[in-house]
C-alpha atoms as a PDB file:
ATOM      1  CA  MET A   1       0.000   0.000   0.000  1.00  0.00           C
ATOM      2  CA  SER A   2       1.316   3.432  -0.913  1.00  0.00           C
ATOM      3  CA  GLU A   3       1.621   6.239   1.610  1.00  0.00           C
ATOM      4  CA  ASP A   4      -1.377   7.986   0.041  1.00  0.00           C
ATOM      5  CA  GLU A   5      -3.474   4.808   0.283  1.00  0.00           C
ATOM      6  CA  ALA A   6      -2.466   4.350   3.926  1.00  0.00           C
ATOM      7  CA  MET A   7      -3.421   7.948   4.677  1.00  0.00           C
ATOM      8  CA  ALA A   8      -6.770   7.449   2.939  1.00  0.00           C
ATOM      9  CA  ALA A   9      -7.443   4.274   4.939  1.00  0.00           C
ATOM     10  CA  ALA A  10      -6.590   6.078   8.186  1.00  0.00           C
ATOM     11  CA  LEU A  11      -8.902   8.975   7.280  1.00  0.00           C
ATOM     12  CA  GLU A  12     -11.714   6.548   6.460  1.00  0.00           C
ATOM     13  CA  TRP A  13     -11.187   4.818   9.824  1.00  0.00           C
ATOM     14  CA  ARG A  14     -11.366   8.095  11.735  1.00  0.00           C
ATOM     15  CA  THR A  15     -14.527   9.036   9.850  1.00  0.00           C
ATOM     16  CA  ILE A  16     -16.301   5.751  10.637  1.00  0.00           C
ATOM     17  CA  ALA A  17     -14.951   5.191  14.167  1.00  0.00           C
ATOM     18  CA  PRO A  18     -17.232   7.540  16.152  1.00  0.00           C
ATOM     19  CA  GLY A  19     -20.220   5.435  17.157  1.00  0.00           C
ATOM     20  CA  ALA A  20     -18.876   2.270  15.507  1.00  0.00           C
ATOM     21  CA  VAL A  21     -17.993  -0.963  17.294  1.00  0.00           C
ATOM     22  CA  LEU A  22     -14.265  -1.673  17.484  1.00  0.00           C
ATOM     23  CA  LEU A  23     -13.389  -5.289  16.669  1.00  0.00           C
ATOM     24  CA  ASP A  24      -9.941  -5.588  18.130  1.00  0.00           C
ATOM     25  CA  GLY A  25      -8.087  -8.650  16.901  1.00  0.00           C
ATOM     26  CA  PHE A  26      -8.641 -11.672  14.687  1.00  0.00           C
ATOM     27  CA  HIS A  27     -11.020 -13.614  16.935  1.00  0.00           C
ATOM     28  CA  ALA A  28     -13.394 -10.696  17.428  1.00  0.00           C
ATOM     29  CA  LEU A  29     -13.480 -10.102  13.675  1.00  0.00           C
ATOM     30  CA  LYS A  30     -13.929 -13.823  12.937  1.00  0.00           C
ATOM     31  CA  HIS A  31     -16.971 -14.087  15.211  1.00  0.00           C
ATOM     32  CA  ALA A  32     -18.481 -10.846  13.956  1.00  0.00           C
ATOM     33  CA  LEU A  33     -18.261 -12.138  10.382  1.00  0.00           C
ATOM     34  CA  ARG A  34     -19.811 -15.467  11.325  1.00  0.00           C
ATOM     35  CA  PHE A  35     -22.789 -13.828  12.985  1.00  0.00           C
ATOM     36  CA  GLY A  36     -23.662 -11.272  10.368  1.00  0.00           C
ATOM     37  CA  ALA A  37     -22.095  -8.048  11.616  1.00  0.00           C
ATOM     38  CA  ASP A  38     -22.211  -5.052   9.310  1.00  0.00           C
ATOM     39  CA  ILE A  39     -18.450  -4.549   8.983  1.00  0.00           C
ATOM     40  CA  ARG A  40     -17.388  -1.329   7.324  1.00  0.00           C
ATOM     41  CA  LEU A  41     -13.573  -1.401   7.390  1.00  0.00           C
ATOM     42  CA  VAL A  42     -10.844  -3.968   8.131  1.00  0.00           C
ATOM     43  CA  LEU A  43      -7.222  -2.898   8.573  1.00  0.00           C
ATOM     44  CA  THR A  44      -4.186  -5.079   9.172  1.00  0.00           C
ATOM     45  CA  SER A  45      -0.463  -4.564   9.483  1.00  0.00           C
ATOM     46  CA  ASP A  46       0.225  -8.023   7.982  1.00  0.00           C
ATOM     47  CA  ARG A  47      -2.338  -9.254   5.487  1.00  0.00           C
ATOM     48  CA  ALA A  48      -0.430 -12.452   4.707  1.00  0.00           C
ATOM     49  CA  ALA A  49      -0.336 -13.407   8.399  1.00  0.00           C
ATOM     50  CA  VAL A  50      -4.062 -12.762   8.778  1.00  0.00           C
ATOM     51  CA  ARG A  51      -4.748 -14.818   5.642  1.00  0.00           C
ATOM     52  CA  ALA A  52      -2.736 -17.705   7.100  1.00  0.00           C
ATOM     53  CA  LEU A  53      -4.464 -17.416  10.475  1.00  0.00           C
ATOM     54  CA  SER A  54      -7.931 -17.406   8.963  1.00  0.00           C
ATOM     55  CA  GLY A  55      -7.072 -20.390   6.788  1.00  0.00           C
ATOM     56  CA  LYS A  56      -5.984 -22.282   9.887  1.00  0.00           C
ATOM     57  CA  LEU A  57      -8.648 -21.214  12.407  1.00  0.00           C
ATOM     58  CA  ALA A  58     -11.611 -19.871  10.462  1.00  0.00           C
ATOM     59  CA  ASN A  59     -11.658 -21.183   6.940  1.00  0.00           C
ATOM     60  CA  ASP A  60     -15.413 -20.512   6.762  1.00  0.00           C
ATOM     61  CA  VAL A  61     -14.780 -16.746   6.691  1.00  0.00           C
ATOM     62  CA  ALA A  62     -11.281 -16.692   5.196  1.00  0.00           C
ATOM     63  CA  ASP A  63     -12.273 -15.505   1.721  1.00  0.00           C
ATOM     64  CA  ARG A  64     -14.553 -12.756   3.011  1.00  0.00           C
ATOM     65  CA  LEU A  65     -11.933 -11.531   5.467  1.00  0.00           C
ATOM     66  CA  ASP A  66      -9.198 -11.503   2.835  1.00  0.00           C
ATOM     67  CA  ALA A  67     -11.384  -9.545   0.418  1.00  0.00           C
ATOM     68  CA  MET A  68     -12.141  -6.909   3.048  1.00  0.00           C
ATOM     69  CA  ALA A  69      -8.683  -6.503   4.590  1.00  0.00           C
ATOM     70  CA  ARG A  70      -6.564  -3.472   3.725  1.00  0.00           C
ATOM     71  CA  GLU A  71      -2.924  -3.492   4.741  1.00  0.00           C
ATOM     72  CA  VAL A  72      -1.429  -0.435   6.422  1.00  0.00           C
ATOM     73  CA  PRO A  73       1.942   0.076   8.120  1.00  0.00           C
ATOM     74  CA  ALA A  74       2.094  -1.166  11.714  1.00  0.00           C
ATOM     75  CA  GLU A  75       2.658   2.363  13.025  1.00  0.00           C
ATOM     76  CA  VAL A  76      -0.553   3.541  11.344  1.00  0.00           C
ATOM     77  CA  LEU A  77      -2.553   0.731  12.932  1.00  0.00           C
ATOM     78  CA  ARG A  78      -1.026   1.491  16.358  1.00  0.00           C
ATOM     79  CA  GLU A  79      -1.995   5.121  15.935  1.00  0.00           C
ATOM     80  CA  LEU A  80      -5.601   4.195  15.145  1.00  0.00           C
ATOM     81  CA  VAL A  81      -5.887   1.405  17.738  1.00  0.00           C
ATOM     82  CA  PRO A  82      -3.600   2.296  20.658  1.00  0.00           C
ATOM     83  CA  ARG A  83      -4.035  -1.104  22.306  1.00  0.00           C
ATOM     84  CA  ALA A  84      -3.299  -3.060  19.153  1.00  0.00           C
ATOM     85  CA  HIS A  85      -4.054  -6.782  19.294  1.00  0.00           C
ATOM     86  CA  PRO A  86      -1.109  -9.180  18.764  1.00  0.00           C
ATOM     87  CA  THR A  87      -2.826 -10.582  15.645  1.00  0.00           C
ATOM     88  CA  GLY A  88      -2.337  -7.217  13.945  1.00  0.00           C
ATOM     89  CA  VAL A  89      -5.871  -6.736  12.662  1.00  0.00           C
ATOM     90  CA  ALA A  90      -8.763  -4.491  13.644  1.00  0.00           C
ATOM     91  CA  ALA A  91     -12.126  -3.618  12.168  1.00  0.00           C
ATOM     92  CA  LEU A  92     -15.077  -1.292  12.584  1.00  0.00           C
ATOM     93  CA  ALA A  93     -18.654  -2.556  12.561  1.00  0.00           C
ATOM     94  CA  ILE A  94     -22.069  -0.973  12.955  1.00  0.00           C
ATOM     95  CA  ARG A  95     -23.771  -1.602  16.285  1.00  0.00           C
ATOM     96  CA  PRO A  96     -27.115  -3.396  15.902  1.00  0.00           C
ATOM     97  CA  SER A  97     -30.055  -1.088  16.502  1.00  0.00           C
ATOM     98  CA  ALA A  98     -31.580  -1.019  19.957  1.00  0.00           C
ATOM     99  CA  GLN A  99     -34.969  -1.483  18.316  1.00  0.00           C
ATOM    100  CA  ALA A 100     -33.859  -4.747  16.699  1.00  0.00           C
ATOM    101  CA  ASN A 101     -32.294  -6.066  19.895  1.00  0.00           C
ATOM    102  CA  ILE A 102     -35.294  -5.144  22.033  1.00  0.00           C
ATOM    103  CA  GLY A 103     -37.542  -6.827  19.481  1.00  0.00           C
ATOM    104  CA  THR A 104     -35.509 -10.020  19.821  1.00  0.00           C
ATOM    105  CA  LEU A 105     -35.555  -9.834  23.610  1.00  0.00           C
ATOM    106  CA  ASN A 106     -39.323  -9.313  23.731  1.00  0.00           C
ATOM    107  CA  ARG A 107     -40.292 -11.886  21.131  1.00  0.00           C
ATOM    108  CA  LEU A 108     -42.475 -14.641  22.587  1.00  0.00           C
ATOM    109  CA  PRO A 109     -42.439 -17.561  22.939  1.00  0.00           C
ATOM    110  CA  ARG A 110     -38.768 -17.240  23.832  1.00  0.00           C
ATOM    111  CA  PRO A 111     -36.789 -20.438  23.216  1.00  0.00           C
ATOM    112  CA  THR A 112     -33.863 -19.642  25.530  1.00  0.00           C
ATOM    113  CA  PRO A 113     -33.336 -17.432  28.601  1.00  0.00           C
ATOM    114  CA  VAL A 114     -32.213 -13.828  28.786  1.00  0.00           C
ATOM    115  CA  VAL A 115     -29.313 -13.083  31.135  1.00  0.00           C
ATOM    116  CA  VAL A 116     -29.750  -9.912  33.194  1.00  0.00           C
ATOM    117  CA  LEU A 117     -26.688  -8.272  34.782  1.00  0.00           C
ATOM    118  CA  ASP A 118     -27.857  -5.847  37.446  1.00  0.00           C
ATOM    119  CA  ASN A 119     -25.575  -2.799  37.533  1.00  0.00           C
ATOM    120  CA  PRO A 120     -22.339  -4.622  36.603  1.00  0.00           C
ATOM    121  CA  ARG A 121     -19.085  -2.775  37.295  1.00  0.00           C
ATOM    122  CA  ASN A 122     -16.417  -4.686  35.361  1.00  0.00           C
ATOM    123  CA  LEU A 123     -16.343  -4.519  31.566  1.00  0.00           C
ATOM    124  CA  GLY A 124     -14.244  -7.665  31.301  1.00  0.00           C
ATOM    125  CA  ASN A 125     -16.857  -9.606  33.242  1.00  0.00           C
ATOM    126  CA  VAL A 126     -19.616  -8.248  31.025  1.00  0.00           C
ATOM    127  CA  GLY A 127     -17.757  -9.389  27.919  1.00  0.00           C
ATOM    128  CA  ALA A 128     -17.102 -12.816  29.437  1.00  0.00           C
ATOM    129  CA  VAL A 129     -20.819 -13.188  30.220  1.00  0.00           C
ATOM    130  CA  ILE A 130     -21.782 -12.242  26.655  1.00  0.00           C
ATOM    131  CA  ARG A 131     -19.350 -14.859  25.371  1.00  0.00           C
ATOM    132  CA  LEU A 132     -20.996 -17.440  27.649  1.00  0.00           C
ATOM    133  CA  ALA A 133     -24.484 -16.393  26.571  1.00  0.00           C
ATOM    134  CA  ALA A 134     -23.521 -16.811  22.921  1.00  0.00           C
ATOM    135  CA  GLY A 135     -22.090 -20.247  23.630  1.00  0.00           C
ATOM    136  CA  PHE A 136     -25.279 -21.352  25.394  1.00  0.00           C
ATOM    137  CA  ASP A 137     -27.405 -19.766  22.634  1.00  0.00           C
ATOM    138  CA  ALA A 138     -29.158 -17.523  25.147  1.00  0.00           C
ATOM    139  CA  THR A 139     -31.625 -15.042  23.654  1.00  0.00           C
ATOM    140  CA  GLY A 140     -29.633 -12.098  24.928  1.00  0.00           C
ATOM    141  CA  VAL A 141     -27.844 -10.212  27.679  1.00  0.00           C
ATOM    142  CA  VAL A 142     -29.391  -7.179  29.339  1.00  0.00           C
ATOM    143  CA  THR A 143     -27.486  -4.868  31.649  1.00  0.00           C
ATOM    144  CA  THR A 144     -28.897  -2.249  34.004  1.00  0.00           C
ATOM    145  CA  GLY A 145     -27.014   0.746  35.331  1.00  0.00           C
ATOM    146  CA  ASP A 146     -24.673   3.192  33.653  1.00  0.00           C
ATOM    147  CA  LEU A 147     -22.099   0.847  32.113  1.00  0.00           C
ATOM    148  CA  ASP A 148     -22.329   0.459  28.310  1.00  0.00           C
ATOM    149  CA  PRO A 149     -22.240  -3.274  27.460  1.00  0.00           C
ATOM    150  CA  TRP A 150     -20.929  -2.340  23.990  1.00  0.00           C
ATOM    151  CA  HIS A 151     -17.842  -0.610  25.370  1.00  0.00           C
ATOM    152  CA  PRO A 152     -14.707  -1.678  23.416  1.00  0.00           C
ATOM    153  CA  ASN A 153     -13.306  -3.458  26.485  1.00  0.00           C
ATOM    154  CA  ALA A 154     -16.466  -5.554  26.755  1.00  0.00           C
ATOM    155  CA  VAL A 155     -16.426  -6.358  23.036  1.00  0.00           C
ATOM    156  CA  ARG A 156     -12.789  -7.388  23.322  1.00  0.00           C
ATOM    157  CA  ALA A 157     -13.574  -9.681  26.284  1.00  0.00           C
ATOM    158  CA  SER A 158     -16.484 -11.265  24.395  1.00  0.00           C
ATOM    159  CA  ALA A 159     -14.246 -11.997  21.381  1.00  0.00           C
ATOM    160  CA  GLY A 160     -16.780 -10.236  19.161  1.00  0.00           C
ATOM    161  CA  LEU A 161     -19.675 -12.462  20.225  1.00  0.00           C
ATOM    162  CA  HIS A 162     -21.871  -9.446  20.921  1.00  0.00           C
ATOM    163  CA  PHE A 163     -23.114 -10.069  17.373  1.00  0.00           C
ATOM    164  CA  ALA A 164     -24.226 -13.620  18.234  1.00  0.00           C
ATOM    165  CA  THR A 165     -26.863 -12.562  20.775  1.00  0.00           C
ATOM    166  CA  ALA A 166     -28.993  -9.499  21.627  1.00  0.00           C
ATOM    167  CA  VAL A 167     -27.070  -7.154  23.943  1.00  0.00           C
ATOM    168  CA  GLU A 168     -28.785  -4.082  25.374  1.00  0.00           C
ATOM    169  CA  ARG A 169     -28.841  -1.814  28.407  1.00  0.00           C
ATOM    170  CA  LEU A 170     -32.329  -1.371  29.886  1.00  0.00           C
ATOM    171  CA  ASP A 171     -33.978   0.077  32.958  1.00  0.00           C
ATOM    172  CA  PRO A 172     -35.077  -2.601  35.479  1.00  0.00           C
ATOM    173  CA  ALA A 173     -38.678  -1.546  34.919  1.00  0.00           C
ATOM    174  CA  GLY A 174     -38.335  -2.211  31.196  1.00  0.00           C
ATOM    175  CA  LEU A 175     -37.011  -5.770  31.298  1.00  0.00           C
ATOM    176  CA  PRO A 176     -38.444  -8.276  28.804  1.00  0.00           C
ATOM    177  CA  GLN A 177     -41.472 -10.287  29.847  1.00  0.00           C
ATOM    178  CA  GLY A 178     -41.010 -13.652  31.501  1.00  0.00           C
ATOM    179  CA  PRO A 179     -40.469 -15.208  34.921  1.00  0.00           C
ATOM    180  CA  LEU A 180     -37.596 -13.519  36.730  1.00  0.00           C
ATOM    181  CA  TYR A 181     -35.202 -15.898  38.478  1.00  0.00           C
ATOM    182  CA  VAL A 182     -32.795 -13.890  40.626  1.00  0.00           C
ATOM    183  CA  LEU A 183     -29.571 -15.455  41.853  1.00  0.00           C
ATOM    184  CA  ASP A 184     -29.225 -14.497  45.497  1.00  0.00           C
ATOM    185  CA  PRO A 185     -27.525 -16.098  48.529  1.00  0.00           C
ATOM    186  CA  GLU A 186     -30.846 -16.062  50.398  1.00  0.00           C
ATOM    187  CA  GLY A 187     -32.696 -17.981  47.688  1.00  0.00           C
ATOM    188  CA  GLU A 188     -33.533 -21.645  47.563  1.00  0.00           C
ATOM    189  CA  ASP A 189     -30.968 -24.113  46.298  1.00  0.00           C
ATOM    190  CA  ILE A 190     -30.862 -23.856  42.500  1.00  0.00           C
ATOM    191  CA  ARG A 191     -30.724 -27.664  42.307  1.00  0.00           C
ATOM    192  CA  SER A 192     -34.263 -27.877  43.659  1.00  0.00           C
ATOM    193  CA  THR A 193     -35.923 -26.245  40.644  1.00  0.00           C
ATOM    194  CA  SER A 194     -35.967 -26.213  36.862  1.00  0.00           C
ATOM    195  CA  ILE A 195     -35.538 -22.965  34.972  1.00  0.00           C
ATOM    196  CA  PRO A 196     -37.963 -22.482  32.064  1.00  0.00           C
ATOM    197  CA  ASP A 197     -36.812 -21.507  28.599  1.00  0.00           C
ATOM    198  CA  ASP A 198     -38.509 -18.100  28.748  1.00  0.00           C
ATOM    199  CA  ALA A 199     -36.871 -17.120  32.053  1.00  0.00           C
ATOM    200  CA  LEU A 200     -34.878 -14.021  32.832  1.00  0.00           C
ATOM    201  CA  LEU A 201     -31.804 -15.094  34.828  1.00  0.00           C
ATOM    202  CA  ALA A 202     -30.616 -12.130  36.893  1.00  0.00           C
ATOM    203  CA  PHE A 203     -27.229 -11.717  38.560  1.00  0.00           C
ATOM    204  CA  GLY A 204     -25.932  -8.907  40.734  1.00  0.00           C
ATOM    205  CA  SER A 205     -22.424  -7.625  41.245  1.00  0.00           C
ATOM    206  CA  GLU A 206     -19.984  -9.654  43.306  1.00  0.00           C
ATOM    207  CA  ARG A 207     -19.828  -6.992  45.993  1.00  0.00           C
ATOM    208  CA  HIS A 208     -23.410  -5.752  46.274  1.00  0.00           C
ATOM    209  CA  GLY A 209     -25.588  -8.466  44.731  1.00  0.00           C
ATOM    210  CA  VAL A 210     -28.862  -7.540  43.073  1.00  0.00           C
ATOM    211  CA  SER A 211     -30.722  -4.344  43.860  1.00  0.00           C
ATOM    212  CA  GLU A 212     -33.756  -4.265  46.124  1.00  0.00           C
ATOM    213  CA  GLN A 213     -35.813  -3.222  43.094  1.00  0.00           C
ATOM    214  CA  LEU A 214     -34.878  -6.364  41.201  1.00  0.00           C
ATOM    215  CA  ARG A 215     -35.359  -8.575  44.259  1.00  0.00           C
ATOM    216  CA  ALA A 216     -38.872  -7.166  44.613  1.00  0.00           C
ATOM    217  CA  GLN A 217     -39.631  -8.067  40.988  1.00  0.00           C
ATOM    218  CA  ALA A 218     -38.365 -11.641  41.334  1.00  0.00           C
ATOM    219  CA  THR A 219     -40.533 -14.635  40.553  1.00  0.00           C
ATOM    220  CA  LYS A 220     -38.100 -16.740  42.563  1.00  0.00           C
ATOM    221  CA  LEU A 221     -34.778 -16.301  44.357  1.00  0.00           C
ATOM    222  CA  LEU A 222     -32.234 -19.015  43.685  1.00  0.00           C
ATOM    223  CA  ALA A 223     -28.876 -19.679  45.333  1.00  0.00           C
ATOM    224  CA  ILE A 224     -25.853 -21.515  43.957  1.00  0.00           C
ATOM    225  CA  PRO A 225     -24.370 -23.715  46.719  1.00  0.00           C
ATOM    226  CA  MET A 226     -21.044 -22.396  47.946  1.00  0.00           C
ATOM    227  CA  ARG A 227     -18.592 -23.383  50.649  1.00  0.00           C
ATOM    228  CA  PRO A 228     -19.015 -21.390  53.885  1.00  0.00           C
ATOM    229  CA  GLN A 229     -16.641 -18.438  54.352  1.00  0.00           C
ATOM    230  CA  VAL A 230     -16.064 -18.101  50.589  1.00  0.00           C
ATOM    231  CA  SER A 231     -17.331 -14.618  49.764  1.00  0.00           C
ATOM    232  CA  SER A 232     -18.610 -15.058  46.225  1.00  0.00           C
ATOM    233  CA  PHE A 233     -18.159 -16.612  42.833  1.00  0.00           C
ATOM    234  CA  ASN A 234     -16.912 -14.576  39.897  1.00  0.00           C
ATOM    235  CA  LEU A 235     -19.843 -13.137  37.946  1.00  0.00           C
ATOM    236  CA  ALA A 236     -19.107 -15.043  34.739  1.00  0.00           C
ATOM    237  CA  THR A 237     -18.694 -18.269  36.723  1.00  0.00           C
ATOM    238  CA  SER A 238     -22.102 -17.770  38.345  1.00  0.00           C
ATOM    239  CA  VAL A 239     -23.721 -17.120  34.966  1.00  0.00           C
ATOM    240  CA  ALA A 240     -22.098 -20.244  33.543  1.00  0.00           C
ATOM    241  CA  MET A 241     -23.485 -22.343  36.411  1.00  0.00           C
ATOM    242  CA  GLY A 242     -26.940 -20.816  36.052  1.00  0.00           C
ATOM    243  CA  LEU A 243     -27.084 -21.396  32.299  1.00  0.00           C
ATOM    244  CA  TYR A 244     -25.728 -24.910  32.617  1.00  0.00           C
ATOM    245  CA  HIS A 245     -28.394 -25.704  35.210  1.00  0.00           C
ATOM    246  CA  TRP A 246     -31.071 -24.426  32.820  1.00  0.00           C
ATOM    247  CA  LEU A 247     -29.621 -26.455  29.962  1.00  0.00           C
ATOM    248  CA  SER A 248     -29.256 -29.674  31.932  1.00  0.00           C
ATOM    249  CA  THR A 249     -32.616 -29.624  33.755  1.00  0.00           C
ATOM    250  CA  THR A 250     -34.948 -28.156  31.148  1.00  0.00           C
ATOM    251  CA  ARG A 251     -33.638 -28.601  27.630  1.00  0.00           C
ATOM    252  CA  HIS A 252     -32.560 -32.171  28.239  1.00  0.00           C
ATOM    253  CA  ALA A 253     -35.156 -33.218  30.805  1.00  0.00           C
END
């Protein structure tokens, strides 16, 4: 790529970037492509290396990725993406509309649960939960509070799997319909009940748990058994246990 072409690519990136979703690294881009993301620009500092990586790990999207990728000098990519991924590739995609995501979350009958994160504080945990939800084919992930679940750090932690499920931030009063199962230390043992497919599975922060508002809305409080004197499980670990319990007791009953 000539210097003029590199400058043009950088200008195009800066034009698109405001409001776009940053896909930082090969795995995020791979998943976004697989799940239908509207990708507007792909830049790499080593197109041959990305081509080889996609051929090895994601042959299903290799041709599309190669056709979209534009090679720029490494220093240009570092300037555009300060925390450049070791795979040397980054992309910009359009965030799905809130209207579309809310439509998915509210569609009934719902075949799989919605995960609700009540006022989460750690973007890495949010991304890890979205990755879990995609793996379990959950309908979506809803967060409450002021944290944006589409923050670049969350998208990085989810490996781009935001595009594989419906991810939105909503007010507790505007949650999708369905029975609300709240994970809480004072609830009944989760092993004593089955979780229906149309459930909302709600989890609070590790420090504060769920809000009183969400507790008051709960259809049922459930607790994951834990050894005495252990303070809490990691949020993503708790979500994984909750979704696995749903999968093992309801979908394969």
